Amino acid sequence: MATWVFTEATAGGPGEPALEVLSKAASGGEAVAVYLGEASADDLAVLGAHGASTVYNLTGGGDLPAAAAAAGLADLVEREAPGAVLFAQTYTSRDVAGRLAARIDRPVIANAVDVAIDDGCTVTSEIFGGTQLVRTAFTGPGPHLVLVRPKSFSADERGGTVNRVEEYPLPDAGHAGSPQVVDTTVEQAEGPQLGSAKVIISGGRGLGSAEAYSLIESAAEPLKAATGATRAIVDAGWVPYAKQVGQTGKTVKPEVYIACGISGAMQHMVGMKDSKRIVAVNKDPEAPIFSVADLGIVGDVHQVLPKLAEALRSRS
């Protein structure tokens, strides 16, 4: 029985988080992509390369398509009876998954870091800031609905092609689909981005002030690293939300993650603990961040970071 993966169109084609989930689904059997947005030939090629044999292309839905997408997806689910529908845990996908669950009367398991689909569906999730794993098995009838955290899997190309494409115009969702976007603000992204950067340097409350965040930016420049932050300094208004790493921010998995002035609250560590190498700089030797660090520097970030930046520039 096929596993379906809900996939959103982005400015650059299929979203990376959904491609991660699609690759995982394809590794265990037949994978079907449910693609929300206009699908170009390039988009279909990307979906096929990541394991989709069939694509249901949901078109229409307006600026806020979740209600219409859930209605259309519910019709397709009733017609085709997939074993499971997997979603990457993005804003739109969470909205669609919740609405779909209500329409077809099925539960959703969220925050999955692994999914095993054979005769049934078993989901692995993290709790207590990622310190414990919980495995949950669906016991009721399918389709089983699962939301998967970004960076849980690799978006590996499998070299396949899409054999079948069905365009499915979205139905009118009635009052649920009536909201409209009346204005938008585009935040210009500069430099390496958290989702794709190989090196990330993040700052926390230990920096002491918004002005001190320049120490993070100075050290990041010679490394061509992305800059991140904890929720505490985002809430304080020191940096924009786009830089937040953690449970309510971005989940990252770079080659190197450098945590500066970050104590290591669970909320933050759950978003970066799977980084390949973690370096921590904190003046408190008992800071929890050292428990996940491969290299720990006990020192004041105001002294360590300028010396780090100077050393990096001298080698570039």
C-alpha atoms as a PDB file:
ATOM      1  CA  MET A   1       0.000   0.000   0.000  1.00  0.00           C
ATOM      2  CA  ALA A   2       1.409   3.373  -1.014  1.00  0.00           C
ATOM      3  CA  THR A   3       2.575   6.018   1.423  1.00  0.00           C
ATOM      4  CA  TRP A   4       1.543   9.540   0.529  1.00  0.00           C
ATOM      5  CA  VAL A   5       3.644  12.623   1.255  1.00  0.00           C
ATOM      6  CA  PHE A   6       2.087  16.083   1.267  1.00  0.00           C
ATOM      7  CA  THR A   7       4.458  18.484  -0.507  1.00  0.00           C
ATOM      8  CA  GLU A   8       4.241  22.249  -0.838  1.00  0.00           C
ATOM      9  CA  ALA A   9       5.478  24.350  -3.722  1.00  0.00           C
ATOM     10  CA  THR A  10       7.983  27.032  -2.710  1.00  0.00           C
ATOM     11  CA  ALA A  11       9.747  29.716  -4.719  1.00  0.00           C
ATOM     12  CA  GLY A  12      12.426  27.182  -5.654  1.00  0.00           C
ATOM     13  CA  GLY A  13      10.163  24.167  -6.271  1.00  0.00           C
ATOM     14  CA  PRO A  14       9.222  21.382  -3.830  1.00  0.00           C
ATOM     15  CA  GLY A  15      10.107  22.314  -0.239  1.00  0.00           C
ATOM     16  CA  GLU A  16      13.197  20.682   1.250  1.00  0.00           C
ATOM     17  CA  PRO A  17      11.448  19.387   4.414  1.00  0.00           C
ATOM     18  CA  ALA A  18       8.892  17.500   2.300  1.00  0.00           C
ATOM     19  CA  LEU A  19      11.640  16.057   0.089  1.00  0.00           C
ATOM     20  CA  GLU A  20      13.259  14.652   3.235  1.00  0.00           C
ATOM     21  CA  VAL A  21      10.014  12.892   4.114  1.00  0.00           C
ATOM     22  CA  LEU A  22       9.464  11.747   0.517  1.00  0.00           C
ATOM     23  CA  SER A  23      12.913  10.133   0.436  1.00  0.00           C
ATOM     24  CA  LYS A  24      12.127   8.306   3.671  1.00  0.00           C
ATOM     25  CA  ALA A  25       8.769   7.078   2.353  1.00  0.00           C
ATOM     26  CA  ALA A  26      10.350   5.851  -0.886  1.00  0.00           C
ATOM     27  CA  SER A  27      12.995   3.890   1.011  1.00  0.00           C
ATOM     28  CA  GLY A  28      10.282   1.605   2.376  1.00  0.00           C
ATOM     29  CA  GLY A  29       8.080   1.087  -0.679  1.00  0.00           C
ATOM     30  CA  GLU A  30       5.861   2.981  -3.090  1.00  0.00           C
ATOM     31  CA  ALA A  31       5.732   6.731  -2.447  1.00  0.00           C
ATOM     32  CA  VAL A  32       3.140   9.150  -3.811  1.00  0.00           C
ATOM     33  CA  ALA A  33       3.565  12.929  -3.700  1.00  0.00           C
ATOM     34  CA  VAL A  34       0.525  15.142  -3.149  1.00  0.00           C
ATOM     35  CA  TYR A  35       1.869  18.418  -4.529  1.00  0.00           C
ATOM     36  CA  LEU A  36       0.178  21.698  -3.604  1.00  0.00           C
ATOM     37  CA  GLY A  37       0.923  24.302  -6.264  1.00  0.00           C
ATOM     38  CA  GLU A  38       1.506  24.532  -9.988  1.00  0.00           C
ATOM     39  CA  ALA A  39       3.850  21.668 -10.913  1.00  0.00           C
ATOM     40  CA  SER A  40       6.369  22.407 -13.645  1.00  0.00           C
ATOM     41  CA  ALA A  41       8.352  19.754 -15.488  1.00  0.00           C
ATOM     42  CA  ASP A  42      11.337  20.593 -13.266  1.00  0.00           C
ATOM     43  CA  ASP A  43       9.224  20.191 -10.129  1.00  0.00           C
ATOM     44  CA  LEU A  44       8.030  16.768 -11.286  1.00  0.00           C
ATOM     45  CA  ALA A  45      11.605  15.759 -12.064  1.00  0.00           C
ATOM     46  CA  VAL A  46      12.651  16.683  -8.512  1.00  0.00           C
ATOM     47  CA  LEU A  47       9.742  14.738  -7.004  1.00  0.00           C
ATOM     48  CA  GLY A  48      10.581  11.707  -9.116  1.00  0.00           C
ATOM     49  CA  ALA A  49      14.259  11.884  -8.258  1.00  0.00           C
ATOM     50  CA  HIS A  50      13.323  11.761  -4.559  1.00  0.00           C
ATOM     51  CA  GLY A  51      11.137   8.701  -4.971  1.00  0.00           C
ATOM     52  CA  ALA A  52       7.639   9.733  -6.092  1.00  0.00           C
ATOM     53  CA  SER A  53       6.138   7.326  -8.637  1.00  0.00           C
ATOM     54  CA  THR A  54       2.809   9.174  -8.782  1.00  0.00           C
ATOM     55  CA  VAL A  55       1.967  12.839  -8.225  1.00  0.00           C
ATOM     56  CA  TYR A  56      -1.455  14.240  -7.371  1.00  0.00           C
ATOM     57  CA  ASN A  57      -1.164  17.908  -8.242  1.00  0.00           C
ATOM     58  CA  LEU A  58      -3.514  20.056  -6.128  1.00  0.00           C
ATOM     59  CA  THR A  59      -4.124  23.318  -7.976  1.00  0.00           C
ATOM     60  CA  GLY A  60      -5.936  26.454  -6.834  1.00  0.00           C
ATOM     61  CA  GLY A  61      -6.808  27.283  -3.257  1.00  0.00           C
ATOM     62  CA  GLY A  62      -5.778  30.936  -3.252  1.00  0.00           C
ATOM     63  CA  ASP A  63      -3.358  32.651  -0.883  1.00  0.00           C
ATOM     64  CA  LEU A  64      -4.381  30.522   2.121  1.00  0.00           C
ATOM     65  CA  PRO A  65      -4.962  27.102   0.571  1.00  0.00           C
ATOM     66  CA  ALA A  66      -4.993  24.879   3.679  1.00  0.00           C
ATOM     67  CA  ALA A  67      -8.792  24.536   3.969  1.00  0.00           C
ATOM     68  CA  ALA A  68      -9.233  23.749   0.288  1.00  0.00           C
ATOM     69  CA  ALA A  69      -6.186  21.446   0.280  1.00  0.00           C
ATOM     70  CA  ALA A  70      -7.588  19.472   3.209  1.00  0.00           C
ATOM     71  CA  ALA A  71     -10.948  19.138   1.470  1.00  0.00           C
ATOM     72  CA  GLY A  72      -9.331  17.963  -1.760  1.00  0.00           C
ATOM     73  CA  LEU A  73      -6.973  15.622   0.053  1.00  0.00           C
ATOM     74  CA  ALA A  74      -9.891  14.122   1.990  1.00  0.00           C
ATOM     75  CA  ASP A  75     -11.650  13.316  -1.295  1.00  0.00           C
ATOM     76  CA  LEU A  76      -8.506  11.698  -2.706  1.00  0.00           C
ATOM     77  CA  VAL A  77      -7.940   9.707   0.476  1.00  0.00           C
ATOM     78  CA  GLU A  78     -11.479   8.354   0.354  1.00  0.00           C
ATOM     79  CA  ARG A  79     -11.040   7.384  -3.292  1.00  0.00           C
ATOM     80  CA  GLU A  80      -7.565   5.843  -3.129  1.00  0.00           C
ATOM     81  CA  ALA A  81      -7.273   4.649   0.529  1.00  0.00           C
ATOM     82  CA  PRO A  82      -3.537   5.161   1.144  1.00  0.00           C
ATOM     83  CA  GLY A  83      -1.944   3.451   4.129  1.00  0.00           C
ATOM     84  CA  ALA A  84      -0.430   6.648   5.536  1.00  0.00           C
ATOM     85  CA  VAL A  85      -0.154  10.340   4.764  1.00  0.00           C
ATOM     86  CA  LEU A  86       3.070  11.973   5.952  1.00  0.00           C
ATOM     87  CA  PHE A  87       3.588  15.714   6.322  1.00  0.00           C
ATOM     88  CA  ALA A  88       6.726  17.750   6.906  1.00  0.00           C
ATOM     89  CA  GLN A  89       6.131  19.886   9.977  1.00  0.00           C
ATOM     90  CA  THR A  90       5.770  23.283   8.279  1.00  0.00           C
ATOM     91  CA  TYR A  91       3.119  25.929   8.924  1.00  0.00           C
ATOM     92  CA  THR A  92       0.902  25.061   5.967  1.00  0.00           C
ATOM     93  CA  SER A  93       1.321  21.308   6.381  1.00  0.00           C
ATOM     94  CA  ARG A  94       0.328  21.456  10.050  1.00  0.00           C
ATOM     95  CA  ASP A  95      -2.773  23.395   9.077  1.00  0.00           C
ATOM     96  CA  VAL A  96      -3.674  20.888   6.350  1.00  0.00           C
ATOM     97  CA  ALA A  97      -2.986  17.862   8.579  1.00  0.00           C
ATOM     98  CA  GLY A  98      -5.241  19.154  11.356  1.00  0.00           C
ATOM     99  CA  ARG A  99      -8.080  19.957   8.978  1.00  0.00           C
ATOM    100  CA  LEU A 100      -7.712  16.601   7.215  1.00  0.00           C
ATOM    101  CA  ALA A 101      -7.807  14.753  10.543  1.00  0.00           C
ATOM    102  CA  ALA A 102     -11.112  16.434  11.375  1.00  0.00           C
ATOM    103  CA  ARG A 103     -12.585  15.651   7.965  1.00  0.00           C
ATOM    104  CA  ILE A 104     -11.697  11.935   7.917  1.00  0.00           C
ATOM    105  CA  ASP A 105     -11.882  11.358  11.696  1.00  0.00           C
ATOM    106  CA  ARG A 106      -8.342  10.109  12.153  1.00  0.00           C
ATOM    107  CA  PRO A 107      -5.700  11.082  14.768  1.00  0.00           C
ATOM    108  CA  VAL A 108      -2.436  12.840  13.964  1.00  0.00           C
ATOM    109  CA  ILE A 109       0.921  12.100  15.586  1.00  0.00           C
ATOM    110  CA  ALA A 110       3.211  15.148  15.477  1.00  0.00           C
ATOM    111  CA  ASN A 111       6.908  15.815  16.138  1.00  0.00           C
ATOM    112  CA  ALA A 112       7.994  12.520  14.588  1.00  0.00           C
ATOM    113  CA  VAL A 113      11.728  11.943  14.178  1.00  0.00           C
ATOM    114  CA  ASP A 114      11.278   8.501  12.624  1.00  0.00           C
ATOM    115  CA  VAL A 115       8.480   6.542  10.985  1.00  0.00           C
ATOM    116  CA  ALA A 116       8.285   2.800  10.330  1.00  0.00           C
ATOM    117  CA  ILE A 117       5.615   1.655   7.893  1.00  0.00           C
ATOM    118  CA  ASP A 118       5.087  -2.061   7.267  1.00  0.00           C
ATOM    119  CA  ASP A 119       1.869  -3.825   8.232  1.00  0.00           C
ATOM    120  CA  GLY A 120       1.038  -0.800  10.373  1.00  0.00           C
ATOM    121  CA  CYS A 121       2.663   2.499  11.278  1.00  0.00           C
ATOM    122  CA  THR A 122       4.944   3.184  14.246  1.00  0.00           C
ATOM    123  CA  VAL A 123       6.155   6.696  15.015  1.00  0.00           C
ATOM    124  CA  THR A 124       9.189   7.698  17.081  1.00  0.00           C
ATOM    125  CA  SER A 125       9.006  11.074  18.835  1.00  0.00           C
ATOM    126  CA  GLU A 126      11.272  12.953  21.229  1.00  0.00           C
ATOM    127  CA  ILE A 127      10.116  14.249  24.613  1.00  0.00           C
ATOM    128  CA  PHE A 128      11.734  16.160  27.496  1.00  0.00           C
ATOM    129  CA  GLY A 129      13.869  18.219  25.146  1.00  0.00           C
ATOM    130  CA  GLY A 130      15.010  15.222  23.150  1.00  0.00           C
ATOM    131  CA  THR A 131      16.353  13.296  26.130  1.00  0.00           C
ATOM    132  CA  GLN A 132      13.786  10.485  25.800  1.00  0.00           C
ATOM    133  CA  LEU A 133      12.288   8.645  22.824  1.00  0.00           C
ATOM    134  CA  VAL A 134       8.686   7.491  22.660  1.00  0.00           C
ATOM    135  CA  ARG A 135       7.369   4.989  20.108  1.00  0.00           C
ATOM    136  CA  THR A 136       3.686   5.140  19.287  1.00  0.00           C
ATOM    137  CA  ALA A 137       1.812   2.662  17.089  1.00  0.00           C
ATOM    138  CA  PHE A 138      -1.471   3.379  15.342  1.00  0.00           C
ATOM    139  CA  THR A 139      -4.051   0.725  16.221  1.00  0.00           C
ATOM    140  CA  GLY A 140      -7.048   2.067  14.310  1.00  0.00           C
ATOM    141  CA  PRO A 141      -7.740   1.998  10.569  1.00  0.00           C
ATOM    142  CA  GLY A 142      -5.710   4.068   8.139  1.00  0.00           C
ATOM    143  CA  PRO A 143      -4.790   6.315   6.683  1.00  0.00           C
ATOM    144  CA  HIS A 144      -2.318   7.111   9.442  1.00  0.00           C
ATOM    145  CA  LEU A 145      -1.439  10.817   9.637  1.00  0.00           C
ATOM    146  CA  VAL A 146       2.056  11.826  10.770  1.00  0.00           C
ATOM    147  CA  LEU A 147       3.832  15.184  11.022  1.00  0.00           C
ATOM    148  CA  VAL A 148       7.623  14.845  10.738  1.00  0.00           C
ATOM    149  CA  ARG A 149      10.147  17.311  12.154  1.00  0.00           C
ATOM    150  CA  PRO A 150      12.527  18.908   9.641  1.00  0.00           C
ATOM    151  CA  LYS A 151      16.041  17.407   9.408  1.00  0.00           C
ATOM    152  CA  SER A 152      14.829  14.029  10.684  1.00  0.00           C
ATOM    153  CA  PHE A 153      15.846  12.431   7.357  1.00  0.00           C
ATOM    154  CA  SER A 154      18.127  13.241   4.435  1.00  0.00           C
ATOM    155  CA  ALA A 155      16.627  14.429   1.149  1.00  0.00           C
ATOM    156  CA  ASP A 156      18.418  11.770  -0.903  1.00  0.00           C
ATOM    157  CA  GLU A 157      17.860  11.513  -4.630  1.00  0.00           C
ATOM    158  CA  ARG A 158      16.988   7.984  -5.719  1.00  0.00           C
ATOM    159  CA  GLY A 159      17.201   8.483  -9.462  1.00  0.00           C
ATOM    160  CA  GLY A 160      13.546   7.674 -10.212  1.00  0.00           C
ATOM    161  CA  THR A 161      10.958   9.350 -12.389  1.00  0.00           C
ATOM    162  CA  VAL A 162       7.254  10.150 -12.025  1.00  0.00           C
ATOM    163  CA  ASN A 163       5.163   7.648 -13.974  1.00  0.00           C
ATOM    164  CA  ARG A 164       1.762   9.255 -13.467  1.00  0.00           C
ATOM    165  CA  VAL A 165       0.511  12.790 -12.833  1.00  0.00           C
ATOM    166  CA  GLU A 166      -3.099  13.619 -11.992  1.00  0.00           C
ATOM    167  CA  GLU A 167      -4.102  17.259 -11.748  1.00  0.00           C
ATOM    168  CA  TYR A 168      -6.737  17.781  -9.081  1.00  0.00           C
ATOM    169  CA  PRO A 169      -8.383  21.234  -8.921  1.00  0.00           C
ATOM    170  CA  LEU A 170      -9.163  22.055  -5.313  1.00  0.00           C
ATOM    171  CA  PRO A 171     -12.842  22.279  -4.339  1.00  0.00           C
ATOM    172  CA  ASP A 172     -14.520  25.293  -2.806  1.00  0.00           C
ATOM    173  CA  ALA A 173     -13.940  25.036   0.959  1.00  0.00           C
ATOM    174  CA  GLY A 174     -16.836  27.352   1.765  1.00  0.00           C
ATOM    175  CA  HIS A 175     -16.563  29.591   4.823  1.00  0.00           C
ATOM    176  CA  ALA A 176     -13.389  27.761   5.965  1.00  0.00           C
ATOM    177  CA  GLY A 177     -11.635  28.914   2.807  1.00  0.00           C
ATOM    178  CA  SER A 178     -12.853  32.525   2.905  1.00  0.00           C
ATOM    179  CA  PRO A 179      -9.876  34.242   4.677  1.00  0.00           C
ATOM    180  CA  GLN A 180      -7.659  36.285   2.400  1.00  0.00           C
ATOM    181  CA  VAL A 181      -4.181  37.767   2.652  1.00  0.00           C
ATOM    182  CA  VAL A 182      -4.527  41.563   2.561  1.00  0.00           C
ATOM    183  CA  ASP A 183      -0.878  42.499   2.967  1.00  0.00           C
ATOM    184  CA  THR A 184       2.542  40.859   3.102  1.00  0.00           C
ATOM    185  CA  THR A 185       5.967  41.881   4.331  1.00  0.00           C
ATOM    186  CA  VAL A 186       9.001  40.291   2.739  1.00  0.00           C
ATOM    187  CA  GLU A 187      12.063  39.945   4.949  1.00  0.00           C
ATOM    188  CA  GLN A 188      15.203  40.054   2.852  1.00  0.00           C
ATOM    189  CA  ALA A 189      17.503  37.146   3.677  1.00  0.00           C
ATOM    190  CA  GLU A 190      21.189  37.954   3.749  1.00  0.00           C
ATOM    191  CA  GLY A 191      24.149  35.587   3.914  1.00  0.00           C
ATOM    192  CA  PRO A 192      24.033  31.830   4.566  1.00  0.00           C
ATOM    193  CA  GLN A 193      20.674  30.489   5.723  1.00  0.00           C
ATOM    194  CA  LEU A 194      20.127  28.353   8.821  1.00  0.00           C
ATOM    195  CA  GLY A 195      18.431  25.526   6.968  1.00  0.00           C
ATOM    196  CA  SER A 196      21.316  24.868   4.575  1.00  0.00           C
ATOM    197  CA  ALA A 197      24.441  26.240   6.274  1.00  0.00           C
ATOM    198  CA  LYS A 198      27.301  23.855   7.057  1.00  0.00           C
ATOM    199  CA  VAL A 199      28.453  26.061   9.943  1.00  0.00           C
ATOM    200  CA  ILE A 200      26.186  27.977  12.336  1.00  0.00           C
ATOM    201  CA  ILE A 201      27.211  30.343  15.128  1.00  0.00           C
ATOM    202  CA  SER A 202      24.438  31.171  17.595  1.00  0.00           C
ATOM    203  CA  GLY A 203      24.236  33.602  20.476  1.00  0.00           C
ATOM    204  CA  GLY A 204      22.229  33.585  23.674  1.00  0.00           C
ATOM    205  CA  ARG A 205      21.464  35.784  26.650  1.00  0.00           C
ATOM    206  CA  GLY A 206      25.076  35.439  27.795  1.00  0.00           C
ATOM    207  CA  LEU A 207      25.986  38.048  25.165  1.00  0.00           C
ATOM    208  CA  GLY A 208      24.515  40.617  27.546  1.00  0.00           C
ATOM    209  CA  SER A 209      23.035  43.042  25.009  1.00  0.00           C
ATOM    210  CA  ALA A 210      21.693  43.382  21.496  1.00  0.00           C
ATOM    211  CA  GLU A 211      24.805  45.300  20.492  1.00  0.00           C
ATOM    212  CA  ALA A 212      26.999  42.359  21.483  1.00  0.00           C
ATOM    213  CA  TYR A 213      25.375  40.203  18.796  1.00  0.00           C
ATOM    214  CA  SER A 214      27.865  41.847  16.445  1.00  0.00           C
ATOM    215  CA  LEU A 215      30.445  39.500  18.022  1.00  0.00           C
ATOM    216  CA  ILE A 216      28.510  36.564  16.552  1.00  0.00           C
ATOM    217  CA  GLU A 217      28.374  38.203  13.126  1.00  0.00           C
ATOM    218  CA  SER A 218      32.068  39.061  13.222  1.00  0.00           C
ATOM    219  CA  ALA A 219      33.076  35.469  13.973  1.00  0.00           C
ATOM    220  CA  ALA A 220      30.643  34.099  11.375  1.00  0.00           C
ATOM    221  CA  GLU A 221      31.947  36.202   8.478  1.00  0.00           C
ATOM    222  CA  PRO A 222      35.314  34.466   7.864  1.00  0.00           C
ATOM    223  CA  LEU A 223      33.666  31.053   8.248  1.00  0.00           C
ATOM    224  CA  LYS A 224      30.837  31.971   5.856  1.00  0.00           C
ATOM    225  CA  ALA A 225      28.594  30.703   8.638  1.00  0.00           C
ATOM    226  CA  ALA A 226      24.923  31.366   9.275  1.00  0.00           C
ATOM    227  CA  THR A 227      24.014  33.180  12.485  1.00  0.00           C
ATOM    228  CA  GLY A 228      21.400  31.887  14.916  1.00  0.00           C
ATOM    229  CA  ALA A 229      19.915  32.768  18.278  1.00  0.00           C
ATOM    230  CA  THR A 230      18.025  31.435  21.261  1.00  0.00           C
ATOM    231  CA  ARG A 231      14.384  32.200  21.945  1.00  0.00           C
ATOM    232  CA  ALA A 232      15.378  34.391  24.887  1.00  0.00           C
ATOM    233  CA  ILE A 233      17.158  36.986  22.766  1.00  0.00           C
ATOM    234  CA  VAL A 234      14.573  36.766  20.000  1.00  0.00           C
ATOM    235  CA  ASP A 235      11.825  37.492  22.545  1.00  0.00           C
ATOM    236  CA  ALA A 236      13.954  40.337  23.892  1.00  0.00           C
ATOM    237  CA  GLY A 237      14.001  41.884  20.412  1.00  0.00           C
ATOM    238  CA  TRP A 238      17.761  41.621  19.908  1.00  0.00           C
ATOM    239  CA  VAL A 239      17.454  39.676  16.640  1.00  0.00           C
ATOM    240  CA  PRO A 240      14.550  38.717  14.345  1.00  0.00           C
ATOM    241  CA  TYR A 241      12.595  35.491  14.740  1.00  0.00           C
ATOM    242  CA  ALA A 242      14.088  34.141  11.485  1.00  0.00           C
ATOM    243  CA  LYS A 243      17.302  33.455  13.428  1.00  0.00           C
ATOM    244  CA  GLN A 244      15.695  31.416  16.221  1.00  0.00           C
ATOM    245  CA  VAL A 245      16.957  27.861  16.681  1.00  0.00           C
ATOM    246  CA  GLY A 246      14.960  25.527  18.878  1.00  0.00           C
ATOM    247  CA  GLN A 247      11.653  23.837  19.447  1.00  0.00           C
ATOM    248  CA  THR A 248       9.617  26.869  18.410  1.00  0.00           C
ATOM    249  CA  GLY A 249      12.199  28.023  15.872  1.00  0.00           C
ATOM    250  CA  LYS A 250      14.243  26.150  13.298  1.00  0.00           C
ATOM    251  CA  THR A 251      15.668  22.661  13.639  1.00  0.00           C
ATOM    252  CA  VAL A 252      19.204  22.624  12.243  1.00  0.00           C
ATOM    253  CA  LYS A 253      21.773  19.930  11.529  1.00  0.00           C
ATOM    254  CA  PRO A 254      25.003  21.586  10.335  1.00  0.00           C
ATOM    255  CA  GLU A 255      28.500  20.142  10.202  1.00  0.00           C
ATOM    256  CA  VAL A 256      29.520  22.515  13.028  1.00  0.00           C
ATOM    257  CA  TYR A 257      27.309  24.368  15.525  1.00  0.00           C
ATOM    258  CA  ILE A 258      28.977  26.962  17.768  1.00  0.00           C
ATOM    259  CA  ALA A 259      26.864  27.986  20.780  1.00  0.00           C
ATOM    260  CA  CYS A 260      28.019  31.244  22.395  1.00  0.00           C
ATOM    261  CA  GLY A 261      26.625  32.467  25.692  1.00  0.00           C
ATOM    262  CA  ILE A 262      23.918  29.801  25.526  1.00  0.00           C
ATOM    263  CA  SER A 263      23.154  27.945  28.746  1.00  0.00           C
ATOM    264  CA  GLY A 264      21.516  24.974  27.043  1.00  0.00           C
ATOM    265  CA  ALA A 265      17.810  25.056  27.827  1.00  0.00           C
ATOM    266  CA  MET A 266      15.955  22.021  26.489  1.00  0.00           C
ATOM    267  CA  GLN A 267      13.914  24.236  24.159  1.00  0.00           C
ATOM    268  CA  HIS A 268      17.093  25.299  22.372  1.00  0.00           C
ATOM    269  CA  MET A 269      18.978  22.005  22.451  1.00  0.00           C
ATOM    270  CA  VAL A 270      16.154  20.081  20.805  1.00  0.00           C
ATOM    271  CA  GLY A 271      16.718  22.222  17.704  1.00  0.00           C
ATOM    272  CA  MET A 272      20.493  21.729  17.359  1.00  0.00           C
ATOM    273  CA  LYS A 273      21.611  18.650  19.324  1.00  0.00           C
ATOM    274  CA  ASP A 274      21.891  16.498  16.179  1.00  0.00           C
ATOM    275  CA  SER A 275      24.566  18.753  14.669  1.00  0.00           C
ATOM    276  CA  LYS A 276      27.627  16.758  13.616  1.00  0.00           C
ATOM    277  CA  ARG A 277      30.008  18.755  15.836  1.00  0.00           C
ATOM    278  CA  ILE A 278      29.010  21.106  18.662  1.00  0.00           C
ATOM    279  CA  VAL A 279      31.277  23.736  20.192  1.00  0.00           C
ATOM    280  CA  ALA A 280      30.092  25.593  23.299  1.00  0.00           C
ATOM    281  CA  VAL A 281      31.445  28.818  24.791  1.00  0.00           C
ATOM    282  CA  ASN A 282      30.110  29.699  28.239  1.00  0.00           C
ATOM    283  CA  LYS A 283      31.641  31.116  31.393  1.00  0.00           C
ATOM    284  CA  ASP A 284      29.608  28.736  33.575  1.00  0.00           C
ATOM    285  CA  PRO A 285      31.358  25.331  33.642  1.00  0.00           C
ATOM    286  CA  GLU A 286      28.105  23.722  34.831  1.00  0.00           C
ATOM    287  CA  ALA A 287      26.036  25.011  31.909  1.00  0.00           C
ATOM    288  CA  PRO A 288      23.875  22.198  30.415  1.00  0.00           C
ATOM    289  CA  ILE A 289      25.100  23.029  26.900  1.00  0.00           C
ATOM    290  CA  PHE A 290      28.394  21.305  27.738  1.00  0.00           C
ATOM    291  CA  SER A 291      26.555  17.987  28.094  1.00  0.00           C
ATOM    292  CA  VAL A 292      26.028  17.842  24.308  1.00  0.00           C
ATOM    293  CA  ALA A 293      29.211  19.651  23.242  1.00  0.00           C
ATOM    294  CA  ASP A 294      32.120  17.908  21.515  1.00  0.00           C
ATOM    295  CA  LEU A 295      34.352  20.830  22.506  1.00  0.00           C
ATOM    296  CA  GLY A 296      33.688  23.132  25.434  1.00  0.00           C
ATOM    297  CA  ILE A 297      35.357  26.478  26.119  1.00  0.00           C
ATOM    298  CA  VAL A 298      34.834  27.839  29.614  1.00  0.00           C
ATOM    299  CA  GLY A 299      35.252  31.555  29.134  1.00  0.00           C
ATOM    300  CA  ASP A 300      33.591  34.913  28.569  1.00  0.00           C
ATOM    301  CA  VAL A 301      32.193  35.225  25.037  1.00  0.00           C
ATOM    302  CA  HIS A 302      33.250  38.894  25.002  1.00  0.00           C
ATOM    303  CA  GLN A 303      36.862  37.759  25.210  1.00  0.00           C
ATOM    304  CA  VAL A 304      36.698  34.472  23.302  1.00  0.00           C
ATOM    305  CA  LEU A 305      34.783  35.609  20.207  1.00  0.00           C
ATOM    306  CA  PRO A 306      37.051  38.566  19.235  1.00  0.00           C
ATOM    307  CA  LYS A 307      40.091  36.279  19.487  1.00  0.00           C
ATOM    308  CA  LEU A 308      38.294  33.586  17.456  1.00  0.00           C
ATOM    309  CA  ALA A 309      37.376  36.099  14.743  1.00  0.00           C
ATOM    310  CA  GLU A 310      40.939  37.424  14.640  1.00  0.00           C
ATOM    311  CA  ALA A 311      42.392  33.921  14.358  1.00  0.00           C
ATOM    312  CA  LEU A 312      39.971  32.976  11.574  1.00  0.00           C
ATOM    313  CA  ARG A 313      40.726  36.101   9.562  1.00  0.00           C
ATOM    314  CA  SER A 314      44.472  35.522   9.853  1.00  0.00           C
ATOM    315  CA  ARG A 315      44.012  32.079   8.264  1.00  0.00           C
ATOM    316  CA  SER A 316      41.685  33.126   5.445  1.00  0.00           C
END
